[in-house]
PDB file of N, CA and C in Angstrom:
ATOM      1  N   MET A   1       2.648  65.507  19.885  1.00  0.00           N
ATOM      2  CA  MET A   1       2.539  64.542  20.754  1.00  0.00           C
ATOM      3  C   MET A   1       3.437  64.831  21.977  1.00  0.00           C
ATOM      4  N   SER A   2       2.862  64.685  23.159  1.00  0.00           N
ATOM      5  CA  SER A   2       3.510  64.972  24.369  1.00  0.00           C
ATOM      6  C   SER A   2       4.406  63.779  24.790  1.00  0.00           C
ATOM      7  N   PRO A   3       5.344  64.067  25.554  1.00  0.00           N
ATOM      8  CA  PRO A   3       6.197  62.930  25.960  1.00  0.00           C
ATOM      9  C   PRO A   3       5.335  61.793  26.835  1.00  0.00           C
ATOM     10  N   LEU A   4       4.430  62.193  27.543  1.00  0.00           N
ATOM     11  CA  LEU A   4       3.615  61.260  28.240  1.00  0.00           C
ATOM     12  C   LEU A   4       2.823  60.324  27.353  1.00  0.00           C
ATOM     13  N   THR A   5       2.239  60.860  26.309  1.00  0.00           N
ATOM     14  CA  THR A   5       1.480  60.177  25.343  1.00  0.00           C
ATOM     15  C   THR A   5       2.372  59.198  24.543  1.00  0.00           C
ATOM     16  N   ALA A   6       3.551  59.707  24.173  1.00  0.00           N
ATOM     17  CA  ALA A   6       4.535  58.878  23.533  1.00  0.00           C
ATOM     18  C   ALA A   6       4.976  57.676  24.404  1.00  0.00           C
ATOM     19  N   THR A   7       5.088  57.975  25.640  1.00  0.00           N
ATOM     20  CA  THR A   7       5.550  56.801  26.591  1.00  0.00           C
ATOM     21  C   THR A   7       4.526  55.928  26.734  1.00  0.00           C
ATOM     22  N   ILE A   8       3.173  56.374  26.824  1.00  0.00           N
ATOM     23  CA  ILE A   8       2.131  55.392  26.992  1.00  0.00           C
ATOM     24  C   ILE A   8       1.933  54.506  25.763  1.00  0.00           C
ATOM     25  N   ALA A   9       2.204  55.132  24.622  1.00  0.00           N
ATOM     26  CA  ALA A   9       2.043  54.454  23.320  1.00  0.00           C
ATOM     27  C   ALA A   9       3.109  53.461  23.217  1.00  0.00           C
ATOM     28  N   ALA A  10       4.323  53.812  23.634  1.00  0.00           N
ATOM     29  CA  ALA A  10       5.390  52.843  23.596  1.00  0.00           C
ATOM     30  C   ALA A  10       5.140  51.709  24.464  1.00  0.00           C
ATOM     31  N   LEU A  11       4.588  51.995  25.725  1.00  0.00           N
ATOM     32  CA  LEU A  11       4.371  50.810  26.646  1.00  0.00           C
ATOM     33  C   LEU A  11       3.284  49.902  26.067  1.00  0.00           C
ATOM     34  N   GLY A  12       2.281  50.536  25.430  1.00  0.00           N
ATOM     35  CA  GLY A  12       1.180  49.787  24.928  1.00  0.00           C
ATOM     36  C   GLY A  12       1.704  48.877  23.738  1.00  0.00           C
ATOM     37  N   LEU A  13       2.565  49.479  22.880  1.00  0.00           N
ATOM     38  CA  LEU A  13       3.130  48.608  21.853  1.00  0.00           C
ATOM     39  C   LEU A  13       3.995  47.430  22.391  1.00  0.00           C
ATOM     40  N   LEU A  14       4.784  47.770  23.443  1.00  0.00           N
ATOM     41  CA  LEU A  14       5.576  46.713  24.037  1.00  0.00           C
ATOM     42  C   LEU A  14       4.646  45.573  24.716  1.00  0.00           C
ATOM     43  N   ALA A  15       3.556  46.014  25.265  1.00  0.00           N
ATOM     44  CA  ALA A  15       2.663  44.973  25.996  1.00  0.00           C
ATOM     45  C   ALA A  15       1.965  44.255  24.832  1.00  0.00           C
ATOM     46  N   ALA A  16       1.572  44.930  23.770  1.00  0.00           N
ATOM     47  CA  ALA A  16       0.874  44.095  22.678  1.00  0.00           C
ATOM     48  C   ALA A  16       1.941  43.139  21.961  1.00  0.00           C
ATOM     49  N   GLY A  17       3.187  43.596  21.827  1.00  0.00           N
ATOM     50  CA  GLY A  17       4.245  42.688  21.296  1.00  0.00           C
ATOM     51  C   GLY A  17       4.499  41.490  22.204  1.00  0.00           C
ATOM     52  N   TYR A  18       4.390  41.793  23.564  1.00  0.00           N
ATOM     53  CA  TYR A  18       4.708  40.733  24.449  1.00  0.00           C
ATOM     54  C   TYR A  18       3.544  39.657  24.335  1.00  0.00           C
ATOM     55  N   ALA A  19       2.150  40.168  24.319  1.00  0.00           N
ATOM     56  CA  ALA A  19       1.193  39.341  24.314  1.00  0.00           C
ATOM     57  C   ALA A  19       1.145  38.466  23.017  1.00  0.00           C
ATOM     58  N   VAL A  20       1.533  39.084  21.835  1.00  0.00           N
ATOM     59  CA  VAL A  20       1.543  38.343  20.647  1.00  0.00           C
ATOM     60  C   VAL A  20       2.631  37.225  20.645  1.00  0.00           C
ATOM     61  N   GLY A  21       3.805  37.616  21.268  1.00  0.00           N
ATOM     62  CA  GLY A  21       4.802  36.682  21.443  1.00  0.00           C
ATOM     63  C   GLY A  21       4.443  35.466  22.366  1.00  0.00           C
ATOM     64  N   ARG A  22       3.662  35.767  23.322  1.00  0.00           N
ATOM     65  CA  ARG A  22       3.287  34.752  24.277  1.00  0.00           C
ATOM     66  C   ARG A  22       2.263  33.697  23.623  1.00  0.00           C
ATOM     67  N   ILE A  23       1.298  34.421  22.782  1.00  0.00           N
ATOM     68  CA  ILE A  23       0.249  33.668  22.085  1.00  0.00           C
ATOM     69  C   ILE A  23       0.825  32.808  20.951  1.00  0.00           C
ATOM     70  N   ARG A  24       1.792  33.312  20.265  1.00  0.00           N
ATOM     71  CA  ARG A  24       2.460  32.782  19.171  1.00  0.00           C
ATOM     72  C   ARG A  24       1.504  32.437  18.114  1.00  0.00           C
ATOM     73  N   PRO A  25       0.669  33.266  17.421  1.00  0.00           N
ATOM     74  CA  PRO A  25      -0.309  32.931  16.456  1.00  0.00           C
ATOM     75  C   PRO A  25       0.214  32.299  15.232  1.00  0.00           C
ATOM     76  N   TRP A  26       1.488  32.593  14.914  1.00  0.00           N
ATOM     77  CA  TRP A  26       2.169  32.055  13.662  1.00  0.00           C
ATOM     78  C   TRP A  26       2.450  30.581  13.897  1.00  0.00           C
ATOM     79  N   ASP A  27       2.875  30.226  15.153  1.00  0.00           N
ATOM     80  CA  ASP A  27       3.132  28.874  15.323  1.00  0.00           C
ATOM     81  C   ASP A  27       1.850  28.046  15.340  1.00  0.00           C
ATOM     82  N   ARG A  28       0.854  28.629  15.919  1.00  0.00           N
ATOM     83  CA  ARG A  28      -0.460  27.867  15.881  1.00  0.00           C
ATOM     84  C   ARG A  28      -1.004  27.675  14.484  1.00  0.00           C
ATOM     85  N   LEU A  29      -0.859  28.657  13.763  1.00  0.00           N
ATOM     86  CA  LEU A  29      -1.422  28.681  12.418  1.00  0.00           C
ATOM     87  C   LEU A  29      -0.564  27.551  11.537  1.00  0.00           C
ATOM     88  N   ASP A  30       0.823  27.666  11.886  1.00  0.00           N
ATOM     89  CA  ASP A  30       1.639  26.672  11.230  1.00  0.00           C
ATOM     90  C   ASP A  30       1.349  25.309  11.622  1.00  0.00           C
ATOM     91  N   ASN A  31       1.156  25.002  12.907  1.00  0.00           N
ATOM     92  CA  ASN A  31       0.696  23.620  13.256  1.00  0.00           C
ATOM     93  C   ASN A  31      -0.585  23.152  12.642  1.00  0.00           C
ATOM     94  N   TYR A  32      -1.586  24.167  12.670  1.00  0.00           N
ATOM     95  CA  TYR A  32      -2.858  23.675  12.054  1.00  0.00           C
ATOM     96  C   TYR A  32      -2.719  23.391  10.577  1.00  0.00           C
ATOM     97  N   LEU A  33      -1.972  24.210   9.837  1.00  0.00           N
ATOM     98  CA  LEU A  33      -1.837  23.950   8.359  1.00  0.00           C
ATOM     99  C   LEU A  33      -1.008  22.831   8.115  1.00  0.00           C
ATOM    100  N   TRP A  34      -0.017  22.506   8.936  1.00  0.00           N
ATOM    101  CA  TRP A  34       0.792  21.393   8.704  1.00  0.00           C
ATOM    102  C   TRP A  34       0.066  20.014   8.859  1.00  0.00           C
ATOM    103  N   ARG A  35      -0.789  20.058   9.878  1.00  0.00           N
ATOM    104  CA  ARG A  35      -1.612  18.849  10.103  1.00  0.00           C
ATOM    105  C   ARG A  35      -2.491  18.693   8.897  1.00  0.00           C
ATOM    106  N   LYS A  36      -3.071  19.745   8.353  1.00  0.00           N
ATOM    107  CA  LYS A  36      -3.890  19.685   7.199  1.00  0.00           C
ATOM    108  C   LYS A  36      -3.205  19.168   6.041  1.00  0.00           C
ATOM    109  N   LEU A  37      -1.955  19.656   5.769  1.00  0.00           N
ATOM    110  CA  LEU A  37      -1.217  19.196   4.669  1.00  0.00           C
ATOM    111  C   LEU A  37      -0.786  17.714   4.765  1.00  0.00           C
ATOM    112  N   THR A  38      -0.442  17.338   5.882  1.00  0.00           N
ATOM    113  CA  THR A  38       0.181  16.007   5.908  1.00  0.00           C
ATOM    114  C   THR A  38      -0.951  14.937   6.219  1.00  0.00           C
ATOM    115  N   PHE A  39      -1.862  15.206   7.135  1.00  0.00           N
ATOM    116  CA  PHE A  39      -2.820  14.140   7.455  1.00  0.00           C
ATOM    117  C   PHE A  39      -4.123  14.376   6.727  1.00  0.00           C
ATOM    118  N   GLY A  40      -4.307  15.532   6.200  1.00  0.00           N
ATOM    119  CA  GLY A  40      -5.490  15.781   5.293  1.00  0.00           C
ATOM    120  C   GLY A  40      -6.847  15.567   5.907  1.00  0.00           C
ATOM    121  N   GLY A  41      -7.502  14.551   5.441  1.00  0.00           N
ATOM    122  CA  GLY A  41      -8.858  14.299   5.917  1.00  0.00           C
ATOM    123  C   GLY A  41      -9.760  14.693   4.813  1.00  0.00           C
ATOM    124  N   THR A  42     -11.077  14.968   5.184  1.00  0.00           N
ATOM    125  CA  THR A  42     -12.096  15.281   4.120  1.00  0.00           C
ATOM    126  C   THR A  42     -11.895  16.795   3.664  1.00  0.00           C
ATOM    127  N   TRP A  43     -11.246  17.530   4.540  1.00  0.00           N
ATOM    128  CA  TRP A  43     -11.217  19.109   4.210  1.00  0.00           C
ATOM    129  C   TRP A  43     -10.258  19.174   2.949  1.00  0.00           C
ATOM    130  N   THR A  44      -9.265  18.416   2.828  1.00  0.00           N
ATOM    131  CA  THR A  44      -8.356  18.604   1.732  1.00  0.00           C
ATOM    132  C   THR A  44      -8.508  17.677   0.544  1.00  0.00           C
ATOM    133  N   ARG A  45      -9.622  17.098   0.272  1.00  0.00           N
ATOM    134  CA  ARG A  45      -9.836  16.200  -0.788  1.00  0.00           C
ATOM    135  C   ARG A  45     -10.031  16.910  -2.052  1.00  0.00           C
ATOM    136  N   SER A  46     -10.380  18.175  -2.170  1.00  0.00           N
ATOM    137  CA  SER A  46     -10.475  18.871  -3.379  1.00  0.00           C
ATOM    138  C   SER A  46      -9.174  19.675  -3.736  1.00  0.00           C
ATOM    139  N   LYS A  47      -8.863  19.856  -4.901  1.00  0.00           N
ATOM    140  CA  LYS A  47      -7.591  20.493  -5.281  1.00  0.00           C
ATOM    141  C   LYS A  47      -7.619  22.015  -4.972  1.00  0.00           C
ATOM    142  N   PRO A  48      -8.676  22.775  -5.069  1.00  0.00           N
ATOM    143  CA  PRO A  48      -8.616  24.138  -4.675  1.00  0.00           C
ATOM    144  C   PRO A  48      -8.445  24.312  -3.097  1.00  0.00           C
ATOM    145  N   ARG A  49      -9.026  23.396  -2.319  1.00  0.00           N
ATOM    146  CA  ARG A  49      -8.805  23.550  -0.885  1.00  0.00           C
ATOM    147  C   ARG A  49      -7.349  23.248  -0.529  1.00  0.00           C
ATOM    148  N   MET A  50      -6.813  22.164  -1.196  1.00  0.00           N
ATOM    149  CA  MET A  50      -5.453  21.791  -1.011  1.00  0.00           C
ATOM    150  C   MET A  50      -4.512  22.943  -1.372  1.00  0.00           C
ATOM    151  N   ALA A  51      -4.784  23.523  -2.554  1.00  0.00           N
ATOM    152  CA  ALA A  51      -4.036  24.623  -2.936  1.00  0.00           C
ATOM    153  C   ALA A  51      -3.951  25.828  -2.005  1.00  0.00           C
ATOM    154  N   ALA A  52      -5.232  26.079  -1.415  1.00  0.00           N
ATOM    155  CA  ALA A  52      -5.348  27.105  -0.484  1.00  0.00           C
ATOM    156  C   ALA A  52      -4.489  26.949   0.715  1.00  0.00           C
ATOM    157  N   ILE A  53      -4.606  25.698   1.242  1.00  0.00           N
ATOM    158  CA  ILE A  53      -3.766  25.356   2.465  1.00  0.00           C
ATOM    159  C   ILE A  53      -2.334  25.421   2.093  1.00  0.00           C
ATOM    160  N   ALA A  54      -1.876  24.954   1.048  1.00  0.00           N
ATOM    161  CA  ALA A  54      -0.419  24.961   0.588  1.00  0.00           C
ATOM    162  C   ALA A  54       0.098  26.396   0.540  1.00  0.00           C
ATOM    163  N   CYS A  55      -0.831  27.275   0.042  1.00  0.00           N
ATOM    164  CA  CYS A  55      -0.407  28.685  -0.161  1.00  0.00           C
ATOM    165  C   CYS A  55      -0.330  29.316   1.193  1.00  0.00           C
ATOM    166  N   LEU A  56      -1.230  29.105   2.091  1.00  0.00           N
ATOM    167  CA  LEU A  56      -1.147  29.578   3.453  1.00  0.00           C
ATOM    168  C   LEU A  56       0.033  29.129   4.194  1.00  0.00           C
ATOM    169  N   HIS A  57       0.340  27.878   4.043  1.00  0.00           N
ATOM    170  CA  HIS A  57       1.479  27.341   4.748  1.00  0.00           C
ATOM    171  C   HIS A  57       2.748  27.835   4.123  1.00  0.00           C
ATOM    172  N   ALA A  58       2.802  28.109   2.888  1.00  0.00           N
ATOM    173  CA  ALA A  58       3.982  28.644   2.161  1.00  0.00           C
ATOM    174  C   ALA A  58       4.265  30.037   2.760  1.00  0.00           C
ATOM    175  N   LEU A  59       3.178  30.811   3.123  1.00  0.00           N
ATOM    176  CA  LEU A  59       3.510  32.100   3.705  1.00  0.00           C
ATOM    177  C   LEU A  59       4.011  31.979   5.119  1.00  0.00           C
ATOM    178  N   VAL A  60       3.553  31.010   5.771  1.00  0.00           N
ATOM    179  CA  VAL A  60       4.128  30.903   7.210  1.00  0.00           C
ATOM    180  C   VAL A  60       5.525  30.278   7.310  1.00  0.00           C
ATOM    181  N   ARG A  61       5.668  29.118   6.618  1.00  0.00           N
ATOM    182  CA  ARG A  61       6.953  28.389   6.631  1.00  0.00           C
ATOM    183  C   ARG A  61       7.328  27.939   5.275  1.00  0.00           C
ATOM    184  N   PRO A  62       8.003  28.745   4.452  1.00  0.00           N
ATOM    185  CA  PRO A  62       8.192  28.374   3.019  1.00  0.00           C
ATOM    186  C   PRO A  62       9.119  27.089   2.784  1.00  0.00           C
ATOM    187  N   LEU A  63      10.080  26.987   3.542  1.00  0.00           N
ATOM    188  CA  LEU A  63      11.028  25.839   3.390  1.00  0.00           C
ATOM    189  C   LEU A  63      10.385  24.540   3.704  1.00  0.00           C
ATOM    190  N   VAL A  64       9.621  24.583   4.798  1.00  0.00           N
ATOM    191  CA  VAL A  64       8.897  23.334   5.207  1.00  0.00           C
ATOM    192  C   VAL A  64       7.845  23.016   4.213  1.00  0.00           C
ATOM    193  N   THR A  65       7.222  23.981   3.791  1.00  0.00           N
ATOM    194  CA  THR A  65       6.160  23.654   2.693  1.00  0.00           C
ATOM    195  C   THR A  65       6.745  22.987   1.448  1.00  0.00           C
ATOM    196  N   ALA A  66       7.866  23.597   0.988  1.00  0.00           N
ATOM    197  CA  ALA A  66       8.588  22.942  -0.156  1.00  0.00           C
ATOM    198  C   ALA A  66       8.884  21.513   0.085  1.00  0.00           C
ATOM    199  N   GLY A  67       9.435  21.137   1.322  1.00  0.00           N
ATOM    200  CA  GLY A  67       9.669  19.765   1.557  1.00  0.00           C
ATOM    201  C   GLY A  67       8.459  18.828   1.584  1.00  0.00           C
ATOM    202  N   ILE A  68       7.388  19.252   2.201  1.00  0.00           N
ATOM    203  CA  ILE A  68       6.107  18.526   2.257  1.00  0.00           C
ATOM    204  C   ILE A  68       5.632  18.336   0.789  1.00  0.00           C
ATOM    205  N   LEU A  69       5.496  19.470  -0.028  1.00  0.00           N
ATOM    206  CA  LEU A  69       5.035  19.357  -1.338  1.00  0.00           C
ATOM    207  C   LEU A  69       5.881  18.436  -2.255  1.00  0.00           C
ATOM    208  N   ARG A  70       7.203  18.487  -2.082  1.00  0.00           N
ATOM    209  CA  ARG A  70       8.163  17.748  -2.870  1.00  0.00           C
ATOM    210  C   ARG A  70       7.901  16.148  -2.484  1.00  0.00           C
ATOM    211  N   GLN A  71       7.603  15.760  -1.209  1.00  0.00           N
ATOM    212  CA  GLN A  71       7.345  14.546  -0.789  1.00  0.00           C
ATOM    213  C   GLN A  71       5.983  14.030  -1.325  1.00  0.00           C
ATOM    214  N   MET A  72       5.026  14.908  -1.267  1.00  0.00           N
ATOM    215  CA  MET A  72       3.685  14.523  -1.831  1.00  0.00           C
ATOM    216  C   MET A  72       3.854  14.341  -3.368  1.00  0.00           C
ATOM    217  N   TRP A  73       4.627  15.040  -4.005  1.00  0.00           N
ATOM    218  CA  TRP A  73       4.783  14.819  -5.459  1.00  0.00           C
ATOM    219  C   TRP A  73       5.550  13.527  -5.760  1.00  0.00           C
ATOM    220  N   ARG A  74       6.421  13.188  -4.914  1.00  0.00           N
ATOM    221  CA  ARG A  74       7.107  11.848  -5.176  1.00  0.00           C
ATOM    222  C   ARG A  74       6.094  10.674  -4.890  1.00  0.00           C
ATOM    223  N   ASP A  75       5.268  10.788  -3.880  1.00  0.00           N
ATOM    224  CA  ASP A  75       4.434   9.660  -3.332  1.00  0.00           C
ATOM    225  C   ASP A  75       3.124   9.617  -4.155  1.00  0.00           C
ATOM    226  N   ARG A  76       2.920  10.523  -5.095  1.00  0.00           N
ATOM    227  CA  ARG A  76       1.589  10.457  -5.977  1.00  0.00           C
ATOM    228  C   ARG A  76       1.390   9.226  -6.717  1.00  0.00           C
ATOM    229  N   GLY A  77       0.179   8.715  -6.742  1.00  0.00           N
ATOM    230  CA  GLY A  77      -0.173   7.577  -7.387  1.00  0.00           C
ATOM    231  C   GLY A  77       0.358   6.200  -6.736  1.00  0.00           C
ATOM    232  N   GLN A  78       1.022   6.281  -5.640  1.00  0.00           N
ATOM    233  CA  GLN A  78       1.575   4.988  -5.138  1.00  0.00           C
ATOM    234  C   GLN A  78       0.501   4.464  -4.129  1.00  0.00           C
ATOM    235  N   SER A  79       0.323   3.152  -4.051  1.00  0.00           N
ATOM    236  CA  SER A  79      -0.498   2.552  -3.099  1.00  0.00           C
ATOM    237  C   SER A  79       0.165   2.643  -1.728  1.00  0.00           C
ATOM    238  N   PRO A  80      -0.645   2.663  -0.650  1.00  0.00           N
ATOM    239  CA  PRO A  80      -0.116   2.822   0.651  1.00  0.00           C
ATOM    240  C   PRO A  80       0.662   1.518   1.012  1.00  0.00           C
ATOM    241  N   LYS A  81       1.681   1.702   1.787  1.00  0.00           N
ATOM    242  CA  LYS A  81       2.606   0.614   2.137  1.00  0.00           C
ATOM    243  C   LYS A  81       1.781  -0.192   3.129  1.00  0.00           C
ATOM    244  N   PRO A  82       2.035  -1.584   3.010  1.00  0.00           N
ATOM    245  CA  PRO A  82       1.256  -2.612   3.906  1.00  0.00           C
ATOM    246  C   PRO A  82       1.731  -2.403   5.303  1.00  0.00           C
ATOM    247  N   THR A  83       0.884  -2.533   6.314  1.00  0.00           N
ATOM    248  CA  THR A  83       1.183  -2.360   7.637  1.00  0.00           C
ATOM    249  C   THR A  83       1.824  -3.632   8.360  1.00  0.00           C
ATOM    250  N   HIS A  84       1.602  -4.769   7.692  1.00  0.00           N
ATOM    251  CA  HIS A  84       2.158  -5.979   8.137  1.00  0.00           C
ATOM    252  C   HIS A  84       2.579  -6.764   6.902  1.00  0.00           C
ATOM    253  N   SER A  85       3.298  -7.995   7.255  1.00  0.00           N
ATOM    254  CA  SER A  85       3.853  -8.803   6.126  1.00  0.00           C
ATOM    255  C   SER A  85       2.695  -9.668   5.760  1.00  0.00           C
ATOM    256  N   PRO A  86       2.821 -10.110   4.467  1.00  0.00           N
ATOM    257  CA  PRO A  86       1.838 -11.046   3.972  1.00  0.00           C
ATOM    258  C   PRO A  86       1.937 -12.386   4.706  1.00  0.00           C
ATOM    259  N   ALA A  87       0.789 -13.178   4.627  1.00  0.00           N
ATOM    260  CA  ALA A  87       0.821 -14.496   5.317  1.00  0.00           C
ATOM    261  C   ALA A  87       1.703 -15.426   4.533  1.00  0.00           C
ATOM    262  N   ILE A  88       2.281 -16.422   5.242  1.00  0.00           N
ATOM    263  CA  ILE A  88       3.319 -17.341   4.810  1.00  0.00           C
ATOM    264  C   ILE A  88       2.425 -18.454   4.001  1.00  0.00           C
ATOM    265  N   ARG A  89       3.030 -18.730   2.872  1.00  0.00           N
ATOM    266  CA  ARG A  89       2.436 -19.844   2.092  1.00  0.00           C
ATOM    267  C   ARG A  89       3.292 -20.983   2.208  1.00  0.00           C
ATOM    268  N   ILE A  90       2.644 -22.113   2.541  1.00  0.00           N
ATOM    269  CA  ILE A  90       3.340 -23.348   2.667  1.00  0.00           C
ATOM    270  C   ILE A  90       3.101 -24.240   1.416  1.00  0.00           C
ATOM    271  N   THR A  91       3.960 -24.539   0.617  1.00  0.00           N
ATOM    272  CA  THR A  91       3.870 -25.360  -0.454  1.00  0.00           C
ATOM    273  C   THR A  91       4.616 -26.648  -0.347  1.00  0.00           C
ATOM    274  N   GLY A  92       4.286 -27.616  -0.953  1.00  0.00           N
ATOM    275  CA  GLY A  92       5.021 -28.938  -0.900  1.00  0.00           C
ATOM    276  C   GLY A  92       3.996 -30.120  -1.063  1.00  0.00           C
ATOM    277  N   PRO A  93       4.404 -31.311  -0.857  1.00  0.00           N
ATOM    278  CA  PRO A  93       3.492 -32.461  -0.951  1.00  0.00           C
ATOM    279  C   PRO A  93       2.576 -32.496   0.177  1.00  0.00           C
ATOM    280  N   ARG A  94       1.259 -32.951  -0.118  1.00  0.00           N
ATOM    281  CA  ARG A  94       0.194 -32.922   0.815  1.00  0.00           C
ATOM    282  C   ARG A  94       0.394 -34.325   1.633  1.00  0.00           C
ATOM    283  N   ILE A  95       0.418 -34.139   2.948  1.00  0.00           N
ATOM    284  CA  ILE A  95       0.591 -35.253   3.787  1.00  0.00           C
ATOM    285  C   ILE A  95      -0.848 -35.695   4.352  1.00  0.00           C
ATOM    286  N   PRO A  96      -1.211 -36.920   4.270  1.00  0.00           N
ATOM    287  CA  PRO A  96      -2.375 -37.300   4.818  1.00  0.00           C
ATOM    288  C   PRO A  96      -2.535 -37.043   6.291  1.00  0.00           C
ATOM    289  N   ASN A  97      -3.733 -36.812   6.779  1.00  0.00           N
ATOM    290  CA  ASN A  97      -3.848 -36.627   8.277  1.00  0.00           C
ATOM    291  C   ASN A  97      -3.656 -37.770   9.077  1.00  0.00           C
ATOM    292  N   HIS A  98      -4.143 -39.025   8.543  1.00  0.00           N
ATOM    293  CA  HIS A  98      -4.085 -40.206   9.275  1.00  0.00           C
ATOM    294  C   HIS A  98      -3.203 -41.275   8.581  1.00  0.00           C
ATOM    295  N   ARG A  99      -2.086 -41.703   9.178  1.00  0.00           N
ATOM    296  CA  ARG A  99      -1.260 -42.663   8.567  1.00  0.00           C
ATOM    297  C   ARG A  99      -1.586 -44.037   9.348  1.00  0.00           C
ATOM    298  N   VAL A 100      -1.632 -44.987   8.463  1.00  0.00           N
ATOM    299  CA  VAL A 100      -1.860 -46.312   9.072  1.00  0.00           C
ATOM    300  C   VAL A 100      -0.823 -47.237   8.679  1.00  0.00           C
ATOM    301  N   ASN A 101      -0.236 -47.917   9.695  1.00  0.00           N
ATOM    302  CA  ASN A 101       0.740 -48.919   9.453  1.00  0.00           C
ATOM    303  C   ASN A 101       0.282 -50.149   8.648  1.00  0.00           C
ATOM    304  N   GLU A 102       1.044 -50.717   7.908  1.00  0.00           N
ATOM    305  CA  GLU A 102       0.600 -51.851   7.147  1.00  0.00           C
ATOM    306  C   GLU A 102       0.131 -53.100   8.023  1.00  0.00           C
ATOM    307  N   GLU A 103       0.859 -53.210   9.228  1.00  0.00           N
ATOM    308  CA  GLU A 103       0.656 -54.225  10.162  1.00  0.00           C
ATOM    309  C   GLU A 103      -0.821 -54.093  10.844  1.00  0.00           C
ATOM    310  N   GLN A 104      -1.054 -52.711  11.189  1.00  0.00           N
ATOM    311  CA  GLN A 104      -2.260 -52.446  11.824  1.00  0.00           C
ATOM    312  C   GLN A 104      -3.495 -52.648  10.784  1.00  0.00           C
ATOM    313  N   GLU A 105      -3.155 -52.369   9.595  1.00  0.00           N
ATOM    314  CA  GLU A 105      -4.298 -52.476   8.497  1.00  0.00           C
ATOM    315  C   GLU A 105      -4.544 -54.013   8.355  1.00  0.00           C
ATOM    316  N   ALA A 106      -3.508 -54.864   8.453  1.00  0.00           N
ATOM    317  CA  ALA A 106      -3.730 -56.332   8.159  1.00  0.00           C
ATOM    318  C   ALA A 106      -4.423 -56.907   9.423  1.00  0.00           C
ATOM    319  N   THR A 107      -4.228 -56.410  10.509  1.00  0.00           N
ATOM    320  CA  THR A 107      -4.888 -57.054  11.742  1.00  0.00           C
ATOM    321  C   THR A 107      -6.401 -56.629  11.759  1.00  0.00           C
ATOM    322  N   GLU A 108      -6.760 -55.584  11.314  1.00  0.00           N
ATOM    323  CA  GLU A 108      -8.140 -55.132  11.294  1.00  0.00           C
ATOM    324  C   GLU A 108      -9.051 -55.661  10.481  1.00  0.00           C
TER     325      GLU A 108
END
């Protein structure tokens, strides 16, 4: 290999490395897989699909995946938390809507 060929190959590798660094495919893949793991949707309703996404995410970011899966394991089988407080119940004696004085009743 001549020095000129080696130089061109080295510059090509540097340019390819720069382009990959600017595109950041691992970050994009990480964001996509994180959204699928946390927000789910119809794509992750089956266990094999969920396992495939978890394995891919574990390859990209192992510590974050462990935290997400630990939280999912803790929350399994729990009903979703209510978004608002329940309505207030008022209990006590029933008060009639119309009160009539004894004097008014006698005059009528």
